[in-house]
Amino acid sequence: MYGKRIKVGAFVLEGLNAVSTTLYFYFVFWFLKAEFGFGSRENLLWAMGYGAVYVVSSIQGGRFGQRFGYLKALKVGFLGMSLAFLAGWWLNRADVARSVEMPLQGVILGVATIAICFTWPNLEALVSEGEPGPRLQRYIGIYNLVWSGAGAAAFFAGGAMIERLGLRTVIFLIPGLMIAGQLGFLLWLERGGGVPVAASGGAAHETLASESKRHPTGVSSRAFLRMSWLANPCAYVAINTAIPLIPTLAEKLSLDASTAGFFCSIWLFVRTATFVGLWKWSGWHYRFRWLAGAFLGMIVGFLFIFLASSLPGLSRAGVLVVVTVAQVVFGICIGLIYYSSLYYSMDVGDTKGDHGGIHEAAIGVGLLGGPLVGGLAQWFRPGSTSVAAWAVSGVLLVGFGVLWSLWRSGVREGRRKS
């Protein structure tokens, strides 16, 4: 396993990574709208390309870390992201024509996406490697608080930073320099002794872990792992449809960039608070009713975020209240779904890098699926956020049906074994 110094350092790297990547991947849609006149449809198509690259690259990034070491994978990721972001900032300094810059920005997004997939799976694996059950719960709790809290703070402050410093500085220069600093910090950590002192025995631990769990329902740990790997991409279908549509929603609610950053980050802070509760209370572990309830609540919250402005008889203040409540529900539910996926991925088996890659690839499916469904809906009614919300909610309901089917299958399998 890795020493405590490396694991503490991994939490620092994780927080910095969350800030820098949030500034780019969340606010790039504001940049595309401002610089190239992108609307909801174009932003969704852009996000769809990002998701497609993320699916494939996450699995490869996890496998690379499992084979060559988590620290080496992190170096590749940090170097690639830093170069990509600094190149994006340089394009403006070089006074590149708009018609040339737009496809180059697509290349930058692709390179940055591939690079980021060498970071998250391996950071997850690094903090989980070799940890027994109780300590694994603690480390994953800290991990979730760090990335979600840092990301929420970055989104909260991002709008105000853009108004003061400019879009390009905030989404390219600052992340590029931060990630270059992360690479330097990682090299310093490694010099202090980051070599694993022991390797763990995957198959033996996996058997002990699964046999030691006593679920009241009799459903196996692996069945919950499969269910969480379905639920998490569904959550990211909703999230990655919401993010490209937020500029349009902000415009509809007459919010400037700074106010939109404050108001539309409510669900992010709620998700972080939810992680605190899930970390301190383990009663949700391997309980289907919590996962199923979160799935349904996520759909309701997502719908009302984007449909509130269309509800008859509501004043602007009423709409803001409804959207606030919807964000709270949405944040709680996606918090439980994400936590389930990561916890079960790290709890079942010892190939942490591979499982981290699959966990992130499942997120990538959501990153691809949400914009794909929302983008297709936009072709029928361009500029409408409600049609995308209804279309995505329909897909999520189908996902819930599959989740229920997996649960019933797990119950039948448990009865056969008992």
Protein backbone atom coordinates (compact mmCIF):
# COMPACT_ATOMS: atom_id res chain seq x y z
CA MET A 1 0.00 0.00 0.00
CA TYR A 2 0.99 3.65 -0.26
CA GLY A 3 2.26 5.56 2.75
CA LYS A 4 0.21 8.14 4.65
CA ARG A 5 2.27 11.01 3.21
CA ILE A 6 1.30 10.04 -0.33
CA LYS A 7 -2.36 9.59 0.58
CA VAL A 8 -2.59 12.98 2.28
CA GLY A 9 -0.85 14.46 -0.77
CA ALA A 10 -3.42 12.75 -2.98
CA PHE A 11 -6.22 14.64 -1.19
CA VAL A 12 -4.39 17.92 -1.86
CA LEU A 13 -3.98 17.01 -5.53
CA GLU A 14 -7.63 16.01 -5.71
CA GLY A 15 -8.82 19.36 -4.37
CA LEU A 16 -6.63 21.34 -6.76
CA ASN A 17 -7.73 19.11 -9.63
CA ALA A 18 -11.39 19.70 -8.79
CA VAL A 19 -10.94 23.49 -8.81
CA SER A 20 -8.96 23.65 -12.05
CA THR A 21 -11.12 21.20 -14.00
CA THR A 22 -14.38 22.77 -12.79
CA LEU A 23 -13.24 26.17 -14.01
CA TYR A 24 -12.68 24.75 -17.46
CA PHE A 25 -15.23 22.00 -18.00
CA TYR A 26 -18.15 23.88 -16.41
CA PHE A 27 -17.46 27.35 -17.80
CA VAL A 28 -16.31 26.34 -21.26
CA PHE A 29 -19.98 26.53 -22.29
CA TRP A 30 -20.10 30.20 -21.28
CA PHE A 31 -16.95 30.71 -23.34
CA LEU A 32 -18.48 28.99 -26.40
CA LYS A 33 -21.63 31.08 -26.07
CA ALA A 34 -19.69 34.34 -25.74
CA GLU A 35 -16.98 33.72 -28.36
CA PHE A 36 -18.75 31.66 -31.03
CA GLY A 37 -22.44 32.36 -30.41
CA PHE A 38 -23.25 28.80 -29.31
CA GLY A 39 -26.80 28.15 -28.10
CA SER A 40 -28.24 25.23 -26.15
CA ARG A 41 -28.11 22.86 -29.13
CA GLU A 42 -24.48 23.58 -30.01
CA ASN A 43 -23.40 23.38 -26.37
CA LEU A 44 -25.10 19.99 -26.00
CA LEU A 45 -23.37 18.68 -29.13
CA TRP A 46 -20.03 19.94 -27.82
CA ALA A 47 -20.68 18.19 -24.50
CA MET A 48 -21.62 15.01 -26.37
CA GLY A 49 -18.17 14.89 -27.99
CA TYR A 50 -16.56 15.41 -24.59
CA GLY A 51 -18.58 12.51 -23.16
CA ALA A 52 -17.68 10.14 -26.01
CA VAL A 53 -13.95 10.73 -25.44
CA TYR A 54 -14.38 10.38 -21.66
CA VAL A 55 -15.97 6.92 -21.89
CA VAL A 56 -13.06 5.35 -23.75
CA SER A 57 -10.28 7.30 -22.06
CA SER A 58 -11.43 6.58 -18.49
CA ILE A 59 -11.06 2.83 -18.92
CA GLN A 60 -7.64 3.27 -20.50
CA GLY A 61 -6.54 5.70 -17.80
CA GLY A 62 -7.55 3.25 -15.06
CA ARG A 63 -5.81 0.36 -16.78
CA PHE A 64 -2.67 2.40 -17.27
CA GLY A 65 -2.55 3.22 -13.57
CA GLN A 66 -3.20 -0.40 -12.58
CA ARG A 67 -0.37 -1.59 -14.82
CA PHE A 68 2.28 1.12 -14.53
CA GLY A 69 1.42 2.76 -11.21
CA TYR A 70 -0.99 5.44 -10.08
CA LEU A 71 1.67 8.13 -9.72
CA LYS A 72 2.93 7.66 -13.27
CA ALA A 73 -0.63 7.90 -14.58
CA LEU A 74 -1.16 11.12 -12.65
CA LYS A 75 1.98 12.64 -14.19
CA VAL A 76 0.66 11.88 -17.69
CA GLY A 77 -2.71 13.42 -16.84
CA PHE A 78 -1.38 16.59 -15.23
CA LEU A 79 1.12 17.22 -18.02
CA GLY A 80 -1.50 16.73 -20.75
CA MET A 81 -4.11 18.98 -19.11
CA SER A 82 -1.64 21.74 -18.34
CA LEU A 83 -0.39 21.87 -21.93
CA ALA A 84 -3.93 21.79 -23.33
CA PHE A 85 -5.21 24.65 -21.16
CA LEU A 86 -2.17 26.83 -21.73
CA ALA A 87 -2.53 26.25 -25.47
CA GLY A 88 -6.15 27.45 -25.23
CA TRP A 89 -4.99 30.66 -23.55
CA TRP A 90 -2.19 31.14 -26.10
CA LEU A 91 -4.64 31.03 -29.04
CA ASN A 92 -6.02 34.40 -28.03
CA ARG A 93 -2.57 35.87 -27.47
CA ALA A 94 -1.59 34.68 -30.94
CA ASP A 95 -4.65 36.47 -32.40
CA VAL A 96 -5.90 33.36 -34.24
CA ALA A 97 -8.93 33.92 -36.46
CA ARG A 98 -12.30 32.80 -35.01
CA SER A 99 -12.93 30.39 -37.88
CA VAL A 100 -9.61 28.66 -37.16
CA GLU A 101 -9.83 28.83 -33.39
CA MET A 102 -13.15 27.00 -33.05
CA PRO A 103 -11.88 23.61 -34.38
CA LEU A 104 -8.64 24.09 -32.42
CA GLN A 105 -10.72 24.53 -29.27
CA GLY A 106 -12.31 21.19 -30.09
CA VAL A 107 -8.84 19.61 -30.20
CA ILE A 108 -7.96 21.24 -26.88
CA LEU A 109 -11.14 19.86 -25.31
CA GLY A 110 -10.30 16.37 -26.63
CA VAL A 111 -6.73 16.43 -25.31
CA ALA A 112 -7.82 17.81 -21.93
CA THR A 113 -10.52 15.14 -21.67
CA ILE A 114 -8.09 12.31 -22.41
CA ALA A 115 -5.65 13.73 -19.88
CA ILE A 116 -8.21 14.16 -17.10
CA CYS A 117 -9.08 10.48 -17.45
CA PHE A 118 -5.58 9.64 -16.23
CA THR A 119 -6.23 11.58 -13.02
CA TRP A 120 -9.61 10.77 -11.43
CA PRO A 121 -9.53 6.94 -11.65
CA ASN A 122 -6.01 6.88 -10.22
CA LEU A 123 -6.67 9.41 -7.46
CA GLU A 124 -9.64 7.27 -6.38
CA ALA A 125 -7.52 4.13 -6.46
CA LEU A 126 -4.60 5.80 -4.69
CA VAL A 127 -6.60 6.81 -1.61
CA SER A 128 -8.40 3.43 -1.46
CA GLU A 129 -5.50 1.04 -2.06
CA GLY A 130 -4.96 -1.45 0.75
CA GLU A 131 -7.54 0.06 3.12
CA PRO A 132 -9.78 -2.24 5.23
CA GLY A 133 -13.56 -1.67 5.42
CA PRO A 134 -13.91 0.98 8.18
CA ARG A 135 -10.92 2.99 6.99
CA LEU A 136 -12.05 2.68 3.37
CA GLN A 137 -15.38 4.26 4.36
CA ARG A 138 -13.47 7.12 6.04
CA TYR A 139 -11.08 7.70 3.14
CA ILE A 140 -13.82 7.67 0.52
CA GLY A 141 -15.81 10.07 2.70
CA ILE A 142 -12.88 12.49 2.81
CA TYR A 143 -12.27 12.00 -0.91
CA ASN A 144 -15.86 12.90 -1.79
CA LEU A 145 -15.87 15.94 0.48
CA VAL A 146 -12.65 17.28 -1.02
CA TRP A 147 -13.52 17.03 -4.71
CA SER A 148 -17.15 18.07 -4.35
CA GLY A 149 -16.45 20.92 -1.95
CA ALA A 150 -13.57 22.28 -4.03
CA GLY A 151 -15.60 21.95 -7.24
CA ALA A 152 -18.63 23.67 -5.70
CA ALA A 153 -16.47 26.55 -4.46
CA ALA A 154 -14.91 26.91 -7.92
CA PHE A 155 -18.31 27.05 -9.63
CA PHE A 156 -19.66 29.41 -6.96
CA ALA A 157 -16.79 31.87 -7.46
CA GLY A 158 -16.25 31.24 -11.16
CA GLY A 159 -18.82 33.73 -12.43
CA ALA A 160 -17.40 36.56 -10.31
CA MET A 161 -13.87 35.63 -11.39
CA ILE A 162 -14.92 35.79 -15.04
CA GLU A 163 -16.38 39.28 -14.59
CA ARG A 164 -13.15 40.50 -12.98
CA LEU A 165 -10.46 38.61 -14.91
CA GLY A 166 -12.10 37.60 -18.18
CA LEU A 167 -13.25 34.26 -19.56
CA ARG A 168 -9.97 33.14 -21.11
CA THR A 169 -7.93 33.82 -18.01
CA VAL A 170 -10.35 31.91 -15.77
CA ILE A 171 -10.93 28.84 -17.93
CA PHE A 172 -7.48 28.51 -19.53
CA LEU A 173 -4.63 30.34 -17.81
CA ILE A 174 -5.54 29.74 -14.16
CA PRO A 175 -6.30 26.00 -14.60
CA GLY A 176 -3.18 25.54 -16.75
CA LEU A 177 -0.92 27.09 -14.11
CA MET A 178 -2.66 25.27 -11.27
CA ILE A 179 -2.22 21.88 -12.91
CA ALA A 180 1.42 22.62 -13.69
CA GLY A 181 1.75 23.27 -9.95
CA GLN A 182 0.03 19.95 -9.23
CA LEU A 183 2.62 18.16 -11.36
CA GLY A 184 5.43 19.85 -9.44
CA PHE A 185 3.82 18.93 -6.11
CA LEU A 186 3.45 15.30 -7.23
CA LEU A 187 7.14 15.11 -8.18
CA TRP A 188 8.03 16.51 -4.75
CA LEU A 189 5.78 13.94 -3.05
CA GLU A 190 7.34 11.10 -5.01
CA ARG A 191 10.86 12.13 -4.03
CA GLY A 192 9.78 11.86 -0.39
CA GLY A 193 8.92 8.18 -0.75
CA GLY A 194 5.85 7.27 -2.74
CA VAL A 195 6.68 3.68 -3.66
CA PRO A 196 4.11 1.12 -2.45
CA VAL A 197 5.50 -0.97 0.39
CA ALA A 198 3.34 -3.98 -0.34
CA ALA A 199 0.95 -5.28 -2.93
CA SER A 200 -2.38 -6.69 -1.90
CA GLY A 201 -3.84 -10.02 -2.95
CA GLY A 202 -6.84 -9.18 -5.10
CA ALA A 203 -8.77 -12.43 -5.30
CA ALA A 204 -8.36 -13.35 -1.63
CA HIS A 205 -9.47 -9.96 -0.39
CA GLU A 206 -12.39 -9.89 -2.79
CA THR A 207 -13.66 -13.24 -1.54
CA LEU A 208 -13.30 -12.25 2.10
CA ALA A 209 -14.98 -8.92 1.49
CA SER A 210 -17.96 -10.44 -0.25
CA GLU A 211 -18.36 -13.32 2.18
CA SER A 212 -18.12 -11.11 5.24
CA LYS A 213 -21.07 -8.94 4.24
CA ARG A 214 -24.47 -9.94 5.53
CA HIS A 215 -27.21 -8.17 3.60
CA PRO A 216 -30.73 -8.45 4.99
CA THR A 217 -32.04 -8.82 1.45
CA GLY A 218 -29.56 -11.54 0.54
CA VAL A 219 -28.48 -9.57 -2.54
CA SER A 220 -24.75 -9.82 -3.24
CA SER A 221 -22.23 -6.99 -3.14
CA ARG A 222 -21.57 -7.45 -6.85
CA ALA A 223 -25.25 -6.99 -7.63
CA PHE A 224 -25.15 -3.62 -5.85
CA LEU A 225 -21.97 -2.78 -7.75
CA ARG A 226 -23.78 -3.44 -11.05
CA MET A 227 -26.78 -1.37 -9.95
CA SER A 228 -24.60 1.55 -8.93
CA TRP A 229 -22.71 1.39 -12.22
CA LEU A 230 -26.08 1.80 -13.94
CA ALA A 231 -27.40 4.53 -11.63
CA ASN A 232 -24.30 6.72 -11.76
CA PRO A 233 -24.24 7.25 -15.53
CA CYS A 234 -27.95 8.04 -15.33
CA ALA A 235 -27.14 10.71 -12.74
CA TYR A 236 -24.52 12.14 -15.08
CA VAL A 237 -27.01 12.09 -17.94
CA ALA A 238 -28.96 14.62 -15.86
CA ILE A 239 -25.89 16.55 -14.69
CA ASN A 240 -24.32 16.86 -18.11
CA THR A 241 -27.58 17.93 -19.67
CA ALA A 242 -28.01 20.55 -16.96
CA ILE A 243 -24.55 22.12 -17.23
CA PRO A 244 -24.74 23.09 -20.95
CA LEU A 245 -28.29 24.40 -20.43
CA ILE A 246 -27.45 26.58 -17.41
CA PRO A 247 -26.38 29.59 -19.55
CA THR A 248 -29.79 29.47 -21.26
CA LEU A 249 -31.58 29.03 -17.92
CA ALA A 250 -29.64 31.97 -16.44
CA GLU A 251 -30.64 34.12 -19.39
CA LYS A 252 -34.30 33.14 -18.93
CA LEU A 253 -34.11 34.06 -15.22
CA SER A 254 -32.27 37.33 -16.01
CA LEU A 255 -29.15 36.32 -14.06
CA ASP A 256 -25.72 37.70 -14.93
CA ALA A 257 -22.65 35.44 -14.91
CA SER A 258 -21.76 36.23 -11.30
CA THR A 259 -25.29 35.72 -9.91
CA ALA A 260 -25.77 32.59 -12.00
CA GLY A 261 -22.57 31.13 -10.56
CA PHE A 262 -23.87 31.73 -7.03
CA PHE A 263 -27.44 30.57 -7.62
CA CYS A 264 -26.80 27.59 -9.89
CA SER A 265 -24.17 26.15 -7.56
CA ILE A 266 -26.73 25.33 -4.84
CA TRP A 267 -26.99 21.68 -5.90
CA LEU A 268 -23.21 21.34 -5.78
CA PHE A 269 -23.01 22.47 -2.16
CA VAL A 270 -25.99 20.27 -1.25
CA ARG A 271 -24.19 17.31 -2.82
CA THR A 272 -21.16 18.04 -0.65
CA ALA A 273 -23.32 18.23 2.49
CA THR A 274 -24.92 14.94 1.48
CA PHE A 275 -21.47 13.35 1.27
CA VAL A 276 -20.87 14.35 4.91
CA GLY A 277 -24.01 12.53 6.02
CA LEU A 278 -23.26 9.44 3.93
CA TRP A 279 -19.71 9.33 5.27
CA LYS A 280 -20.82 9.49 8.91
CA TRP A 281 -23.79 7.11 8.54
CA SER A 282 -23.33 3.73 6.87
CA GLY A 283 -26.96 2.56 7.11
CA TRP A 284 -27.42 3.18 3.40
CA HIS A 285 -24.79 0.58 2.46
CA TYR A 286 -26.30 -2.23 0.39
CA ARG A 287 -29.88 -0.97 0.86
CA PHE A 288 -31.82 -0.83 -2.38
CA ARG A 289 -34.54 1.52 -1.11
CA TRP A 290 -32.01 4.32 -0.69
CA LEU A 291 -30.61 3.90 -4.19
CA ALA A 292 -34.08 3.61 -5.74
CA GLY A 293 -35.42 6.63 -3.82
CA ALA A 294 -32.44 8.71 -4.87
CA PHE A 295 -32.96 7.72 -8.51
CA LEU A 296 -36.61 8.84 -8.51
CA GLY A 297 -35.83 12.01 -6.55
CA MET A 298 -33.12 12.89 -9.04
CA ILE A 299 -35.64 12.78 -11.90
CA VAL A 300 -38.11 15.02 -10.06
CA GLY A 301 -35.43 17.53 -9.04
CA PHE A 302 -33.98 17.68 -12.55
CA LEU A 303 -37.39 18.26 -14.12
CA PHE A 304 -38.34 21.14 -11.83
CA ILE A 305 -35.00 22.93 -12.28
CA PHE A 306 -35.80 23.45 -15.95
CA LEU A 307 -39.61 23.43 -15.95
CA ALA A 308 -40.19 25.90 -13.09
CA SER A 309 -40.02 28.89 -15.44
CA SER A 310 -42.82 27.35 -17.53
CA LEU A 311 -45.21 26.74 -14.62
CA PRO A 312 -48.34 28.92 -14.92
CA GLY A 313 -49.00 31.65 -12.37
CA LEU A 314 -45.50 31.75 -10.86
CA SER A 315 -43.75 35.08 -10.40
CA ARG A 316 -40.01 35.36 -10.97
CA ALA A 317 -39.49 35.07 -7.19
CA GLY A 318 -41.66 31.95 -7.15
CA VAL A 319 -39.68 30.42 -9.96
CA LEU A 320 -36.43 31.06 -8.09
CA VAL A 321 -37.86 29.37 -4.98
CA VAL A 322 -38.98 26.31 -6.96
CA VAL A 323 -35.60 26.04 -8.70
CA THR A 324 -33.84 26.34 -5.33
CA VAL A 325 -35.88 23.50 -3.79
CA ALA A 326 -35.40 21.42 -6.93
CA GLN A 327 -31.63 21.94 -6.71
CA VAL A 328 -31.65 20.77 -3.08
CA VAL A 329 -33.51 17.57 -4.00
CA PHE A 330 -31.29 17.04 -7.03
CA GLY A 331 -28.09 17.53 -5.02
CA ILE A 332 -29.09 15.08 -2.28
CA CYS A 333 -30.08 12.38 -4.74
CA ILE A 334 -27.09 12.55 -7.07
CA GLY A 335 -24.86 12.66 -3.97
CA LEU A 336 -26.14 9.30 -2.80
CA ILE A 337 -25.95 7.80 -6.30
CA TYR A 338 -22.35 8.94 -6.86
CA TYR A 339 -21.25 7.85 -3.38
CA SER A 340 -22.79 4.41 -3.97
CA SER A 341 -20.92 3.93 -7.22
CA LEU A 342 -17.54 4.94 -5.84
CA TYR A 343 -17.93 3.10 -2.54
CA TYR A 344 -19.03 -0.18 -4.13
CA SER A 345 -16.32 0.15 -6.82
CA MET A 346 -13.62 0.41 -4.17
CA ASP A 347 -15.21 -2.04 -1.70
CA VAL A 348 -15.68 -4.97 -4.09
CA GLY A 349 -12.31 -6.33 -5.23
CA ASP A 350 -8.74 -5.07 -5.17
CA THR A 351 -8.14 -3.93 -8.75
CA LYS A 352 -8.74 -0.35 -7.68
CA GLY A 353 -7.33 1.23 -10.83
CA ASP A 354 -9.51 -0.89 -13.12
CA HIS A 355 -12.60 -0.32 -10.99
CA GLY A 356 -11.85 3.40 -10.78
CA GLY A 357 -11.62 3.45 -14.57
CA ILE A 358 -14.97 1.66 -14.91
CA HIS A 359 -16.55 4.02 -12.35
CA GLU A 360 -15.33 7.02 -14.38
CA ALA A 361 -16.31 5.39 -17.69
CA ALA A 362 -19.82 4.97 -16.30
CA ILE A 363 -19.77 8.70 -15.63
CA GLY A 364 -18.60 9.14 -19.23
CA VAL A 365 -21.65 7.24 -20.48
CA GLY A 366 -23.76 9.83 -18.70
CA LEU A 367 -21.63 12.67 -20.05
CA LEU A 368 -22.32 11.33 -23.55
CA GLY A 369 -25.92 10.20 -23.09
CA GLY A 370 -27.30 13.39 -21.55
CA PRO A 371 -26.18 15.77 -24.30
CA LEU A 372 -27.06 13.18 -26.95
CA VAL A 373 -30.68 12.96 -25.81
CA GLY A 374 -30.91 16.67 -25.06
CA GLY A 375 -29.27 17.57 -28.39
CA LEU A 376 -31.68 15.41 -30.37
CA ALA A 377 -34.60 17.04 -28.55
CA GLN A 378 -33.18 20.47 -29.40
CA TRP A 379 -33.33 19.64 -33.11
CA PHE A 380 -37.09 19.49 -32.82
CA ARG A 381 -37.46 22.59 -30.66
CA PRO A 382 -34.28 24.71 -30.84
CA GLY A 383 -33.54 26.86 -27.80
CA SER A 384 -36.09 25.17 -25.54
CA THR A 385 -34.76 23.86 -22.24
CA SER A 386 -38.08 22.17 -21.39
CA VAL A 387 -38.04 19.76 -24.34
CA ALA A 388 -34.54 18.59 -23.38
CA ALA A 389 -35.64 18.20 -19.74
CA TRP A 390 -38.64 16.05 -20.72
CA ALA A 391 -36.60 13.92 -23.13
CA VAL A 392 -33.84 13.26 -20.59
CA SER A 393 -36.37 12.50 -17.84
CA GLY A 394 -37.97 9.90 -20.11
CA VAL A 395 -34.62 8.21 -20.60
CA LEU A 396 -33.99 8.29 -16.84
CA LEU A 397 -37.33 6.57 -16.20
CA VAL A 398 -36.26 3.80 -18.57
CA GLY A 399 -33.01 3.60 -16.58
CA PHE A 400 -35.01 3.21 -13.38
CA GLY A 401 -36.88 0.31 -14.94
CA VAL A 402 -33.56 -1.39 -15.71
CA LEU A 403 -32.37 -0.69 -12.15
CA TRP A 404 -35.50 -2.36 -10.77
CA SER A 405 -34.92 -5.33 -13.07
CA LEU A 406 -31.33 -5.71 -11.81
CA TRP A 407 -32.60 -5.61 -8.24
CA ARG A 408 -35.19 -8.32 -8.85
CA SER A 409 -32.54 -10.42 -10.58
CA GLY A 410 -30.23 -9.99 -7.57
CA VAL A 411 -33.02 -11.03 -5.18
CA ARG A 412 -33.71 -14.19 -7.21
CA GLU A 413 -30.00 -15.01 -7.33
CA GLY A 414 -29.71 -14.56 -3.57
CA ARG A 415 -32.64 -16.89 -2.96
CA ARG A 416 -31.11 -19.58 -5.16
CA LYS A 417 -27.83 -19.42 -3.23
CA SER A 418 -29.58 -19.51 0.12
